Amino acid sequence: MALNVKPLDDRILVKPLEAEEKTAGGIVIPDTAKEKPQLGVVQAVGPGALLKDGKRGPMSVGKGDRVYFGKYAGADIKLEGDDFKILRESDVLAKEA
């Protein structure tokens, strides 16, 4: 799927991964009890924050990175029928190595 969205400055577009449907013990979790996902895959990255000297700061995440973010971080949007989040780079807590 080709998205025609380019985040601005130090923002990133993330596709949240689906929440677990079963517990480790095999109990099925109903939709109403599922927690909001806090892990997602970066789909697009902005050019970086504009620094005082007029240059762009480098981004520490890139397209395809799996990142962890706060439960209520960023803005939820819907593109082409799918759910996405737009986050600032500072909203990213960690990325998988």
PDB file of N, CA and C in Angstrom:
ATOM      1  N   MET A   1       0.855  -1.168   0.000  1.00  0.00           N
ATOM      2  CA  MET A   1       0.000   0.000   0.000  1.00  0.00           C
ATOM      3  C   MET A   1       0.903   1.233   0.000  1.00  0.00           C
ATOM      4  N   ALA A   2       0.690   2.107  -0.933  1.00  0.00           N
ATOM      5  CA  ALA A   2       1.478   3.340  -1.017  1.00  0.00           C
ATOM      6  C   ALA A   2       0.688   4.475  -0.375  1.00  0.00           C
ATOM      7  N   LEU A   3       1.245   5.041   0.674  1.00  0.00           N
ATOM      8  CA  LEU A   3       0.594   6.151   1.368  1.00  0.00           C
ATOM      9  C   LEU A   3       1.138   7.460   0.811  1.00  0.00           C
ATOM     10  N   ASN A   4       0.265   8.382   0.541  1.00  0.00           N
ATOM     11  CA  ASN A   4       0.663   9.699   0.049  1.00  0.00           C
ATOM     12  C   ASN A   4       0.690  10.692   1.195  1.00  0.00           C
ATOM     13  N   VAL A   5       1.369  10.340   2.274  1.00  0.00           N
ATOM     14  CA  VAL A   5       1.461  11.188   3.454  1.00  0.00           C
ATOM     15  C   VAL A   5       2.932  11.374   3.790  1.00  0.00           C
ATOM     16  N   LYS A   6       3.356  12.606   3.982  1.00  0.00           N
ATOM     17  CA  LYS A   6       4.732  12.909   4.372  1.00  0.00           C
ATOM     18  C   LYS A   6       4.669  13.711   5.664  1.00  0.00           C
ATOM     19  N   PRO A   7       5.092  13.113   6.790  1.00  0.00           N
ATOM     20  CA  PRO A   7       5.078  13.841   8.062  1.00  0.00           C
ATOM     21  C   PRO A   7       5.995  15.069   8.003  1.00  0.00           C
ATOM     22  N   LEU A   8       5.658  16.084   8.767  1.00  0.00           N
ATOM     23  CA  LEU A   8       6.450  17.310   8.815  1.00  0.00           C
ATOM     24  C   LEU A   8       7.410  17.288   9.991  1.00  0.00           C
ATOM     25  N   ASP A   9       8.503  18.015   9.856  1.00  0.00           N
ATOM     26  CA  ASP A   9       9.498  18.208  10.911  1.00  0.00           C
ATOM     27  C   ASP A   9       9.913  16.879  11.560  1.00  0.00           C
ATOM     28  N   ASP A  10       9.793  16.785  12.887  1.00  0.00           N
ATOM     29  CA  ASP A  10      10.257  15.591  13.591  1.00  0.00           C
ATOM     30  C   ASP A  10       9.114  14.622  13.890  1.00  0.00           C
ATOM     31  N   ARG A  11       8.141  14.568  13.009  1.00  0.00           N
ATOM     32  CA  ARG A  11       7.005  13.672  13.210  1.00  0.00           C
ATOM     33  C   ARG A  11       7.189  12.393  12.396  1.00  0.00           C
ATOM     34  N   ILE A  12       6.531  11.319  12.875  1.00  0.00           N
ATOM     35  CA  ILE A  12       6.573  10.044  12.177  1.00  0.00           C
ATOM     36  C   ILE A  12       5.156   9.481  12.071  1.00  0.00           C
ATOM     37  N   LEU A  13       4.917   8.705  11.034  1.00  0.00           N
ATOM     38  CA  LEU A  13       3.642   8.027  10.824  1.00  0.00           C
ATOM     39  C   LEU A  13       3.842   6.568  11.213  1.00  0.00           C
ATOM     40  N   VAL A  14       3.034   6.080  12.165  1.00  0.00           N
ATOM     41  CA  VAL A  14       3.190   4.733  12.707  1.00  0.00           C
ATOM     42  C   VAL A  14       1.899   3.950  12.519  1.00  0.00           C
ATOM     43  N   LYS A  15       2.038   2.692  12.076  1.00  0.00           N
ATOM     44  CA  LYS A  15       0.895   1.773  12.004  1.00  0.00           C
ATOM     45  C   LYS A  15       0.941   0.915  13.254  1.00  0.00           C
ATOM     46  N   PRO A  16       0.017   1.140  14.209  1.00  0.00           N
ATOM     47  CA  PRO A  16       0.013   0.339  15.439  1.00  0.00           C
ATOM     48  C   PRO A  16      -0.242  -1.136  15.131  1.00  0.00           C
ATOM     49  N   LEU A  17       0.453  -2.014  15.843  1.00  0.00           N
ATOM     50  CA  LEU A  17       0.225  -3.451  15.706  1.00  0.00           C
ATOM     51  C   LEU A  17      -0.984  -3.836  16.534  1.00  0.00           C
ATOM     52  N   GLU A  18      -1.661  -4.879  16.124  1.00  0.00           N
ATOM     53  CA  GLU A  18      -2.883  -5.311  16.801  1.00  0.00           C
ATOM     54  C   GLU A  18      -2.591  -5.796  18.215  1.00  0.00           C
ATOM     55  N   ALA A  19      -3.526  -5.557  19.100  1.00  0.00           N
ATOM     56  CA  ALA A  19      -3.406  -6.010  20.486  1.00  0.00           C
ATOM     57  C   ALA A  19      -3.549  -7.527  20.536  1.00  0.00           C
ATOM     58  N   GLU A  20      -2.972  -8.123  21.551  1.00  0.00           N
ATOM     59  CA  GLU A  20      -3.047  -9.577  21.726  1.00  0.00           C
ATOM     60  C   GLU A  20      -4.503 -10.011  21.895  1.00  0.00           C
ATOM     61  N   GLU A  21      -4.857 -11.147  21.289  1.00  0.00           N
ATOM     62  CA  GLU A  21      -6.214 -11.664  21.389  1.00  0.00           C
ATOM     63  C   GLU A  21      -6.359 -12.711  22.482  1.00  0.00           C
ATOM     64  N   LYS A  22      -5.208 -13.286  22.934  1.00  0.00           N
ATOM     65  CA  LYS A  22      -5.234 -14.291  23.992  1.00  0.00           C
ATOM     66  C   LYS A  22      -4.158 -13.959  25.016  1.00  0.00           C
ATOM     67  N   THR A  23      -4.405 -14.369  26.249  1.00  0.00           N
ATOM     68  CA  THR A  23      -3.388 -14.226  27.290  1.00  0.00           C
ATOM     69  C   THR A  23      -2.389 -15.369  27.156  1.00  0.00           C
ATOM     70  N   ALA A  24      -1.317 -15.319  27.922  1.00  0.00           N
ATOM     71  CA  ALA A  24      -0.314 -16.387  27.894  1.00  0.00           C
ATOM     72  C   ALA A  24      -0.927 -17.720  28.305  1.00  0.00           C
ATOM     73  N   GLY A  25      -1.959 -17.679  29.109  1.00  0.00           N
ATOM     74  CA  GLY A  25      -2.631 -18.895  29.554  1.00  0.00           C
ATOM     75  C   GLY A  25      -3.692 -19.404  28.589  1.00  0.00           C
ATOM     76  N   GLY A  26      -3.921 -18.691  27.488  1.00  0.00           N
ATOM     77  CA  GLY A  26      -4.875 -19.138  26.480  1.00  0.00           C
ATOM     78  C   GLY A  26      -6.270 -18.565  26.608  1.00  0.00           C
ATOM     79  N   ILE A  27      -6.473 -17.617  27.522  1.00  0.00           N
ATOM     80  CA  ILE A  27      -7.795 -17.009  27.695  1.00  0.00           C
ATOM     81  C   ILE A  27      -8.008 -15.962  26.607  1.00  0.00           C
ATOM     82  N   VAL A  28      -9.150 -16.037  25.927  1.00  0.00           N
ATOM     83  CA  VAL A  28      -9.471 -15.091  24.863  1.00  0.00           C
ATOM     84  C   VAL A  28      -9.894 -13.758  25.474  1.00  0.00           C
ATOM     85  N   ILE A  29      -9.311 -12.660  24.977  1.00  0.00           N
ATOM     86  CA  ILE A  29      -9.612 -11.321  25.484  1.00  0.00           C
ATOM     87  C   ILE A  29     -10.667 -10.683  24.580  1.00  0.00           C
ATOM     88  N   PRO A  30     -11.814 -10.251  25.122  1.00  0.00           N
ATOM     89  CA  PRO A  30     -12.818  -9.590  24.288  1.00  0.00           C
ATOM     90  C   PRO A  30     -12.331  -8.208  23.833  1.00  0.00           C
ATOM     91  N   ASP A  31     -12.896  -7.729  22.733  1.00  0.00           N
ATOM     92  CA  ASP A  31     -12.484  -6.433  22.173  1.00  0.00           C
ATOM     93  C   ASP A  31     -12.593  -5.298  23.180  1.00  0.00           C
ATOM     94  N   THR A  32     -13.590  -5.336  24.036  1.00  0.00           N
ATOM     95  CA  THR A  32     -13.792  -4.250  24.995  1.00  0.00           C
ATOM     96  C   THR A  32     -12.727  -4.216  26.081  1.00  0.00           C
ATOM     97  N   ALA A  33     -12.028  -5.330  26.303  1.00  0.00           N
ATOM     98  CA  ALA A  33     -11.020  -5.392  27.364  1.00  0.00           C
ATOM     99  C   ALA A  33      -9.598  -5.246  26.841  1.00  0.00           C
ATOM    100  N   LYS A  34      -9.433  -5.201  25.517  1.00  0.00           N
ATOM    101  CA  LYS A  34      -8.085  -5.080  24.956  1.00  0.00           C
ATOM    102  C   LYS A  34      -7.512  -3.702  25.250  1.00  0.00           C
ATOM    103  N   GLU A  35      -6.221  -3.681  25.541  1.00  0.00           N
ATOM    104  CA  GLU A  35      -5.549  -2.409  25.772  1.00  0.00           C
ATOM    105  C   GLU A  35      -5.134  -1.804  24.437  1.00  0.00           C
ATOM    106  N   LYS A  36      -4.976  -0.482  24.429  1.00  0.00           N
ATOM    107  CA  LYS A  36      -4.508   0.179  23.221  1.00  0.00           C
ATOM    108  C   LYS A  36      -3.096  -0.299  22.919  1.00  0.00           C
ATOM    109  N   PRO A  37      -2.796  -0.593  21.654  1.00  0.00           N
ATOM    110  CA  PRO A  37      -1.448  -1.050  21.324  1.00  0.00           C
ATOM    111  C   PRO A  37      -0.412   0.045  21.562  1.00  0.00           C
ATOM    112  N   GLN A  38       0.769  -0.367  22.016  1.00  0.00           N
ATOM    113  CA  GLN A  38       1.845   0.576  22.268  1.00  0.00           C
ATOM    114  C   GLN A  38       3.080   0.233  21.435  1.00  0.00           C
ATOM    115  N   LEU A  39       2.895  -0.634  20.445  1.00  0.00           N
ATOM    116  CA  LEU A  39       3.965  -1.034  19.550  1.00  0.00           C
ATOM    117  C   LEU A  39       3.466  -0.853  18.133  1.00  0.00           C
ATOM    118  N   GLY A  40       4.318  -0.311  17.278  1.00  0.00           N
ATOM    119  CA  GLY A  40       3.915  -0.117  15.895  1.00  0.00           C
ATOM    120  C   GLY A  40       5.113  -0.084  14.966  1.00  0.00           C
ATOM    121  N   VAL A  41       4.819  -0.045  13.672  1.00  0.00           N
ATOM    122  CA  VAL A  41       5.851  -0.013  12.639  1.00  0.00           C
ATOM    123  C   VAL A  41       5.824   1.355  11.961  1.00  0.00           C
ATOM    124  N   VAL A  42       6.994   1.979  11.853  1.00  0.00           N
ATOM    125  CA  VAL A  42       7.108   3.296  11.226  1.00  0.00           C
ATOM    126  C   VAL A  42       6.855   3.156   9.733  1.00  0.00           C
ATOM    127  N   GLN A  43       5.916   3.954   9.210  1.00  0.00           N
ATOM    128  CA  GLN A  43       5.566   3.926   7.795  1.00  0.00           C
ATOM    129  C   GLN A  43       6.201   5.069   7.021  1.00  0.00           C
ATOM    130  N   ALA A  44       6.376   6.216   7.673  1.00  0.00           N
ATOM    131  CA  ALA A  44       6.970   7.395   7.028  1.00  0.00           C
ATOM    132  C   ALA A  44       7.611   8.263   8.096  1.00  0.00           C
ATOM    133  N   VAL A  45       8.655   8.990   7.694  1.00  0.00           N
ATOM    134  CA  VAL A  45       9.423   9.817   8.615  1.00  0.00           C
ATOM    135  C   VAL A  45       9.581  11.209   8.022  1.00  0.00           C
ATOM    136  N   GLY A  46       9.429  12.236   8.871  1.00  0.00           N
ATOM    137  CA  GLY A  46       9.645  13.605   8.439  1.00  0.00           C
ATOM    138  C   GLY A  46      11.133  13.896   8.265  1.00  0.00           C
ATOM    139  N   PRO A  47      11.463  15.103   7.781  1.00  0.00           N
ATOM    140  CA  PRO A  47      12.866  15.445   7.516  1.00  0.00           C
ATOM    141  C   PRO A  47      13.689  15.740   8.765  1.00  0.00           C
ATOM    142  N   GLY A  48      13.078  15.873   9.918  1.00  0.00           N
ATOM    143  CA  GLY A  48      13.796  16.183  11.153  1.00  0.00           C
ATOM    144  C   GLY A  48      13.465  17.581  11.628  1.00  0.00           C
ATOM    145  N   ALA A  49      13.718  17.838  12.886  1.00  0.00           N
ATOM    146  CA  ALA A  49      13.420  19.142  13.485  1.00  0.00           C
ATOM    147  C   ALA A  49      14.348  20.206  12.910  1.00  0.00           C
ATOM    148  N   LEU A  50      13.813  21.394  12.711  1.00  0.00           N
ATOM    149  CA  LEU A  50      14.609  22.520  12.231  1.00  0.00           C
ATOM    150  C   LEU A  50      15.386  23.107  13.406  1.00  0.00           C
ATOM    151  N   LEU A  51      16.705  23.116  13.292  1.00  0.00           N
ATOM    152  CA  LEU A  51      17.567  23.622  14.359  1.00  0.00           C
ATOM    153  C   LEU A  51      17.749  25.128  14.243  1.00  0.00           C
ATOM    154  N   LYS A  52      18.326  25.758  15.264  1.00  0.00           N
ATOM    155  CA  LYS A  52      18.507  27.211  15.275  1.00  0.00           C
ATOM    156  C   LYS A  52      19.402  27.699  14.146  1.00  0.00           C
ATOM    157  N   ASP A  53      20.352  26.854  13.709  1.00  0.00           N
ATOM    158  CA  ASP A  53      21.256  27.256  12.633  1.00  0.00           C
ATOM    159  C   ASP A  53      20.654  27.047  11.238  1.00  0.00           C
ATOM    160  N   GLY A  54      19.390  26.615  11.179  1.00  0.00           N
ATOM    161  CA  GLY A  54      18.707  26.442   9.897  1.00  0.00           C
ATOM    162  C   GLY A  54      18.851  25.046   9.299  1.00  0.00           C
ATOM    163  N   LYS A  55      19.620  24.189   9.923  1.00  0.00           N
ATOM    164  CA  LYS A  55      19.798  22.827   9.432  1.00  0.00           C
ATOM    165  C   LYS A  55      18.760  21.917  10.081  1.00  0.00           C
ATOM    166  N   ARG A  56      18.597  20.729   9.516  1.00  0.00           N
ATOM    167  CA  ARG A  56      17.670  19.739  10.058  1.00  0.00           C
ATOM    168  C   ARG A  56      18.416  18.760  10.943  1.00  0.00           C
ATOM    169  N   GLY A  57      17.846  18.464  12.093  1.00  0.00           N
ATOM    170  CA  GLY A  57      18.424  17.464  12.988  1.00  0.00           C
ATOM    171  C   GLY A  57      18.130  16.073  12.450  1.00  0.00           C
ATOM    172  N   PRO A  58      19.052  15.133  12.601  1.00  0.00           N
ATOM    173  CA  PRO A  58      18.813  13.779  12.093  1.00  0.00           C
ATOM    174  C   PRO A  58      17.748  13.053  12.913  1.00  0.00           C
ATOM    175  N   MET A  59      16.991  12.207  12.247  1.00  0.00           N
ATOM    176  CA  MET A  59      15.967  11.399  12.922  1.00  0.00           C
ATOM    177  C   MET A  59      16.614  10.109  13.413  1.00  0.00           C
ATOM    178  N   SER A  60      16.225   9.655  14.603  1.00  0.00           N
ATOM    179  CA  SER A  60      16.798   8.431  15.159  1.00  0.00           C
ATOM    180  C   SER A  60      15.977   7.188  14.813  1.00  0.00           C
ATOM    181  N   VAL A  61      14.851   7.370  14.141  1.00  0.00           N
ATOM    182  CA  VAL A  61      14.044   6.240  13.672  1.00  0.00           C
ATOM    183  C   VAL A  61      13.888   6.353  12.165  1.00  0.00           C
ATOM    184  N   GLY A  62      13.653   5.230  11.531  1.00  0.00           N
ATOM    185  CA  GLY A  62      13.480   5.206  10.090  1.00  0.00           C
ATOM    186  C   GLY A  62      12.313   4.324   9.695  1.00  0.00           C
ATOM    187  N   LYS A  63      11.966   4.364   8.421  1.00  0.00           N
ATOM    188  CA  LYS A  63      10.862   3.570   7.905  1.00  0.00           C
ATOM    189  C   LYS A  63      11.155   2.093   8.145  1.00  0.00           C
ATOM    190  N   GLY A  64      10.150   1.373   8.660  1.00  0.00           N
ATOM    191  CA  GLY A  64      10.282  -0.047   8.924  1.00  0.00           C
ATOM    192  C   GLY A  64      10.684  -0.386  10.354  1.00  0.00           C
ATOM    193  N   ASP A  65      11.133   0.608  11.135  1.00  0.00           N
ATOM    194  CA  ASP A  65      11.499   0.362  12.534  1.00  0.00           C
ATOM    195  C   ASP A  65      10.254   0.022  13.350  1.00  0.00           C
ATOM    196  N   ARG A  66      10.403  -0.904  14.285  1.00  0.00           N
ATOM    197  CA  ARG A  66       9.336  -1.213  15.246  1.00  0.00           C
ATOM    198  C   ARG A  66       9.596  -0.375  16.480  1.00  0.00           C
ATOM    199  N   VAL A  67       8.628   0.457  16.860  1.00  0.00           N
ATOM    200  CA  VAL A  67       8.814   1.404  17.956  1.00  0.00           C
ATOM    201  C   VAL A  67       7.736   1.235  19.025  1.00  0.00           C
ATOM    202  N   TYR A  68       8.111   1.570  20.258  1.00  0.00           N
ATOM    203  CA  TYR A  68       7.193   1.604  21.395  1.00  0.00           C
ATOM    204  C   TYR A  68       6.869   3.062  21.693  1.00  0.00           C
ATOM    205  N   PHE A  69       5.602   3.335  21.987  1.00  0.00           N
ATOM    206  CA  PHE A  69       5.175   4.701  22.276  1.00  0.00           C
ATOM    207  C   PHE A  69       4.185   4.682  23.422  1.00  0.00           C
ATOM    208  N   GLY A  70       3.949   5.850  24.019  1.00  0.00           N
ATOM    209  CA  GLY A  70       3.014   5.966  25.134  1.00  0.00           C
ATOM    210  C   GLY A  70       1.590   5.629  24.720  1.00  0.00           C
ATOM    211  N   LYS A  71       0.810   5.147  25.671  1.00  0.00           N
ATOM    212  CA  LYS A  71      -0.560   4.694  25.395  1.00  0.00           C
ATOM    213  C   LYS A  71      -1.425   5.786  24.760  1.00  0.00           C
ATOM    214  N   TYR A  72      -1.251   7.020  25.189  1.00  0.00           N
ATOM    215  CA  TYR A  72      -2.099   8.106  24.680  1.00  0.00           C
ATOM    216  C   TYR A  72      -1.302   9.120  23.868  1.00  0.00           C
ATOM    217  N   ALA A  73      -0.134   8.739  23.382  1.00  0.00           N
ATOM    218  CA  ALA A  73       0.731   9.653  22.628  1.00  0.00           C
ATOM    219  C   ALA A  73       0.208   9.843  21.206  1.00  0.00           C
ATOM    220  N   GLY A  74       0.484  11.007  20.659  1.00  0.00           N
ATOM    221  CA  GLY A  74       0.211  11.280  19.255  1.00  0.00           C
ATOM    222  C   GLY A  74      -1.252  11.481  18.918  1.00  0.00           C
ATOM    223  N   ALA A  75      -1.480  11.584  17.612  1.00  0.00           N
ATOM    224  CA  ALA A  75      -2.831  11.787  17.085  1.00  0.00           C
ATOM    225  C   ALA A  75      -3.248  10.567  16.277  1.00  0.00           C
ATOM    226  N   ASP A  76      -4.451  10.058  16.543  1.00  0.00           N
ATOM    227  CA  ASP A  76      -4.978   8.919  15.791  1.00  0.00           C
ATOM    228  C   ASP A  76      -5.612   9.423  14.510  1.00  0.00           C
ATOM    229  N   ILE A  77      -5.260   8.793  13.377  1.00  0.00           N
ATOM    230  CA  ILE A  77      -5.859   9.153  12.097  1.00  0.00           C
ATOM    231  C   ILE A  77      -6.224   7.883  11.342  1.00  0.00           C
ATOM    232  N   LYS A  78      -7.068   8.021  10.340  1.00  0.00           N
ATOM    233  CA  LYS A  78      -7.475   6.908   9.501  1.00  0.00           C
ATOM    234  C   LYS A  78      -7.109   7.267   8.061  1.00  0.00           C
ATOM    235  N   LEU A  79      -6.336   6.394   7.410  1.00  0.00           N
ATOM    236  CA  LEU A  79      -5.933   6.584   6.019  1.00  0.00           C
ATOM    237  C   LEU A  79      -6.274   5.321   5.235  1.00  0.00           C
ATOM    238  N   GLU A  80      -7.005   5.465   4.156  1.00  0.00           N
ATOM    239  CA  GLU A  80      -7.360   4.344   3.284  1.00  0.00           C
ATOM    240  C   GLU A  80      -7.970   3.186   4.077  1.00  0.00           C
ATOM    241  N   GLY A  81      -8.758   3.524   5.114  1.00  0.00           N
ATOM    242  CA  GLY A  81      -9.446   2.524   5.914  1.00  0.00           C
ATOM    243  C   GLY A  81      -8.628   1.905   7.029  1.00  0.00           C
ATOM    244  N   ASP A  82      -7.354   2.261   7.170  1.00  0.00           N
ATOM    245  CA  ASP A  82      -6.503   1.719   8.231  1.00  0.00           C
ATOM    246  C   ASP A  82      -6.228   2.779   9.289  1.00  0.00           C
ATOM    247  N   ASP A  83      -5.974   2.329  10.524  1.00  0.00           N
ATOM    248  CA  ASP A  83      -5.659   3.228  11.632  1.00  0.00           C
ATOM    249  C   ASP A  83      -4.158   3.481  11.691  1.00  0.00           C
ATOM    250  N   PHE A  84      -3.784   4.741  11.922  1.00  0.00           N
ATOM    251  CA  PHE A  84      -2.394   5.142  12.052  1.00  0.00           C
ATOM    252  C   PHE A  84      -2.285   6.134  13.193  1.00  0.00           C
ATOM    253  N   LYS A  85      -1.052   6.398  13.615  1.00  0.00           N
ATOM    254  CA  LYS A  85      -0.754   7.435  14.602  1.00  0.00           C
ATOM    255  C   LYS A  85       0.300   8.344  14.012  1.00  0.00           C
ATOM    256  N   ILE A  86       0.165   9.635  14.264  1.00  0.00           N
ATOM    257  CA  ILE A  86       1.228  10.579  13.954  1.00  0.00           C
ATOM    258  C   ILE A  86       1.825  11.003  15.285  1.00  0.00           C
ATOM    259  N   LEU A  87       3.127  10.727  15.443  1.00  0.00           N
ATOM    260  CA  LEU A  87       3.830  10.993  16.691  1.00  0.00           C
ATOM    261  C   LEU A  87       4.999  11.917  16.448  1.00  0.00           C
ATOM    262  N   ARG A  88       5.371  12.669  17.461  1.00  0.00           N
ATOM    263  CA  ARG A  88       6.651  13.376  17.436  1.00  0.00           C
ATOM    264  C   ARG A  88       7.723  12.344  17.764  1.00  0.00           C
ATOM    265  N   GLU A  89       8.914  12.578  17.277  1.00  0.00           N
ATOM    266  CA  GLU A  89      10.006  11.657  17.570  1.00  0.00           C
ATOM    267  C   GLU A  89      10.201  11.517  19.082  1.00  0.00           C
ATOM    268  N   SER A  90       9.962  12.577  19.828  1.00  0.00           N
ATOM    269  CA  SER A  90      10.122  12.535  21.287  1.00  0.00           C
ATOM    270  C   SER A  90       9.057  11.678  21.970  1.00  0.00           C
ATOM    271  N   ASP A  91       7.949  11.356  21.274  1.00  0.00           N
ATOM    272  CA  ASP A  91       6.923  10.468  21.835  1.00  0.00           C
ATOM    273  C   ASP A  91       7.340   9.006  21.777  1.00  0.00           C
ATOM    274  N   VAL A  92       8.359   8.686  20.981  1.00  0.00           N
ATOM    275  CA  VAL A  92       8.844   7.317  20.867  1.00  0.00           C
ATOM    276  C   VAL A  92       9.682   6.996  22.102  1.00  0.00           C
ATOM    277  N   LEU A  93       9.313   5.920  22.788  1.00  0.00           N
ATOM    278  CA  LEU A  93      10.000   5.539  24.020  1.00  0.00           C
ATOM    279  C   LEU A  93      11.212   4.660  23.730  1.00  0.00           C
ATOM    280  N   ALA A  94      11.097   3.788  22.726  1.00  0.00           N
ATOM    281  CA  ALA A  94      12.188   2.868  22.390  1.00  0.00           C
ATOM    282  C   ALA A  94      11.929   2.278  21.012  1.00  0.00           C
ATOM    283  N   LYS A  95      12.981   1.706  20.431  1.00  0.00           N
ATOM    284  CA  LYS A  95      12.808   0.968  19.190  1.00  0.00           C
ATOM    285  C   LYS A  95      13.490  -0.374  19.339  1.00  0.00           C
ATOM    286  N   GLU A  96      12.946  -1.370  18.638  1.00  0.00           N
ATOM    287  CA  GLU A  96      13.519  -2.707  18.725  1.00  0.00           C
ATOM    288  C   GLU A  96      14.826  -2.749  17.946  1.00  0.00           C
ATOM    289  N   ALA A  97      15.802  -3.450  18.504  1.00  0.00           N
ATOM    290  CA  ALA A  97      17.123  -3.541  17.856  1.00  0.00           C
ATOM    291  C   ALA A  97      17.144  -4.626  16.810  1.00  0.00           C
TER     292      ALA A  97
END
